[in-house]
Amino acid sequence: MWQQWVYENPHLMIELANAAKGKTLTDKFATSDISQARALAEILNENPQYSHINLGIKPNDPTL
């Protein structure tokens, strides 16, 4: 499900990558190991293109 969200919202994934750089994603509403934060963190960590995001670029930047 989250892979599809990333596919449909690449600009939001870039925004998340920028905001999450150097941080741990958490989900305060999760009641198990399966959570939105864990799924998105795995996607970020498994896709090297998100580790090279420049913090100064805004998600709607036409140069992306």
C-alpha atoms as a PDB file:
ATOM      1  CA  MET A   1       0.000   0.000   0.000  1.00  0.00           C
ATOM      2  CA  TRP A   2       2.724   2.492   0.915  1.00  0.00           C
ATOM      3  CA  GLN A   3       4.709   1.656  -2.224  1.00  0.00           C
ATOM      4  CA  GLN A   4       1.675   2.785  -4.227  1.00  0.00           C
ATOM      5  CA  TRP A   5       1.419   5.979  -2.166  1.00  0.00           C
ATOM      6  CA  VAL A   6       5.077   6.744  -2.891  1.00  0.00           C
ATOM      7  CA  TYR A   7       4.514   6.113  -6.597  1.00  0.00           C
ATOM      8  CA  GLU A   8       1.525   8.484  -6.636  1.00  0.00           C
ATOM      9  CA  ASN A   9       3.122  11.154  -4.404  1.00  0.00           C
ATOM     10  CA  PRO A  10       6.835  11.445  -5.177  1.00  0.00           C
ATOM     11  CA  HIS A  11       6.862  15.104  -4.142  1.00  0.00           C
ATOM     12  CA  LEU A  12       5.571  14.176  -0.675  1.00  0.00           C
ATOM     13  CA  MET A  13       8.155  11.405  -0.366  1.00  0.00           C
ATOM     14  CA  ILE A  14      10.875  13.959  -1.128  1.00  0.00           C
ATOM     15  CA  GLU A  15       9.410  16.236   1.529  1.00  0.00           C
ATOM     16  CA  LEU A  16       9.407  13.343   4.003  1.00  0.00           C
ATOM     17  CA  ALA A  17      12.991  12.428   3.105  1.00  0.00           C
ATOM     18  CA  ASN A  18      14.061  16.015   3.771  1.00  0.00           C
ATOM     19  CA  ALA A  19      12.184  16.224   7.073  1.00  0.00           C
ATOM     20  CA  ALA A  20      13.340  12.794   8.266  1.00  0.00           C
ATOM     21  CA  LYS A  21      17.032  13.179   7.444  1.00  0.00           C
ATOM     22  CA  GLY A  22      18.980  12.203  10.555  1.00  0.00           C
ATOM     23  CA  LYS A  23      15.827  11.370  12.517  1.00  0.00           C
ATOM     24  CA  THR A  24      13.820   8.294  13.445  1.00  0.00           C
ATOM     25  CA  LEU A  25      10.276   8.089  12.133  1.00  0.00           C
ATOM     26  CA  THR A  26       7.721   7.130  14.765  1.00  0.00           C
ATOM     27  CA  ASP A  27       4.009   6.400  14.804  1.00  0.00           C
ATOM     28  CA  LYS A  28       2.408   7.211  18.142  1.00  0.00           C
ATOM     29  CA  PHE A  29      -0.835   5.492  17.135  1.00  0.00           C
ATOM     30  CA  ALA A  30       0.707   2.141  16.165  1.00  0.00           C
ATOM     31  CA  THR A  31      -0.097  -0.739  18.467  1.00  0.00           C
ATOM     32  CA  SER A  32       2.230  -3.275  16.804  1.00  0.00           C
ATOM     33  CA  ASP A  33       5.449  -3.475  14.798  1.00  0.00           C
ATOM     34  CA  ILE A  34       3.410  -2.840  11.664  1.00  0.00           C
ATOM     35  CA  SER A  35       3.106   0.920  11.337  1.00  0.00           C
ATOM     36  CA  GLN A  36       3.046   3.740   8.829  1.00  0.00           C
ATOM     37  CA  ALA A  37       6.349   5.074  10.141  1.00  0.00           C
ATOM     38  CA  ARG A  38       8.090   1.731   9.814  1.00  0.00           C
ATOM     39  CA  ALA A  39       6.796   1.173   6.285  1.00  0.00           C
ATOM     40  CA  LEU A  40       7.883   4.623   5.119  1.00  0.00           C
ATOM     41  CA  ALA A  41      11.250   4.351   6.878  1.00  0.00           C
ATOM     42  CA  GLU A  42      11.892   1.047   5.115  1.00  0.00           C
ATOM     43  CA  ILE A  43      11.035   2.621   1.758  1.00  0.00           C
ATOM     44  CA  LEU A  44      13.367   5.544   2.488  1.00  0.00           C
ATOM     45  CA  ASN A  45      16.187   3.230   3.556  1.00  0.00           C
ATOM     46  CA  GLU A  46      15.755   0.796   0.648  1.00  0.00           C
ATOM     47  CA  ASN A  47      15.818   3.494  -2.033  1.00  0.00           C
ATOM     48  CA  PRO A  48      19.145   5.288  -2.303  1.00  0.00           C
ATOM     49  CA  GLN A  49      17.670   8.154  -4.336  1.00  0.00           C
ATOM     50  CA  TYR A  50      16.133   9.455  -1.103  1.00  0.00           C
ATOM     51  CA  SER A  51      19.495   9.617   0.671  1.00  0.00           C
ATOM     52  CA  HIS A  52      20.754  12.170  -1.869  1.00  0.00           C
ATOM     53  CA  ILE A  53      17.946  14.690  -1.455  1.00  0.00           C
ATOM     54  CA  ASN A  54      19.154  18.258  -1.010  1.00  0.00           C
ATOM     55  CA  LEU A  55      17.616  19.923   2.009  1.00  0.00           C
ATOM     56  CA  GLY A  56      17.253  23.221   0.161  1.00  0.00           C
ATOM     57  CA  ILE A  57      15.053  21.826  -2.628  1.00  0.00           C
ATOM     58  CA  LYS A  58      11.337  22.254  -2.145  1.00  0.00           C
ATOM     59  CA  PRO A  59       9.003  19.384  -3.202  1.00  0.00           C
ATOM     60  CA  ASN A  60       7.456  21.433  -6.020  1.00  0.00           C
ATOM     61  CA  ASP A  61      10.838  22.544  -7.398  1.00  0.00           C
ATOM     62  CA  PRO A  62      10.710  22.148 -11.222  1.00  0.00           C
ATOM     63  CA  THR A  63      14.352  21.012 -11.290  1.00  0.00           C
ATOM     64  CA  LEU A  64      13.427  17.671  -9.699  1.00  0.00           C
END
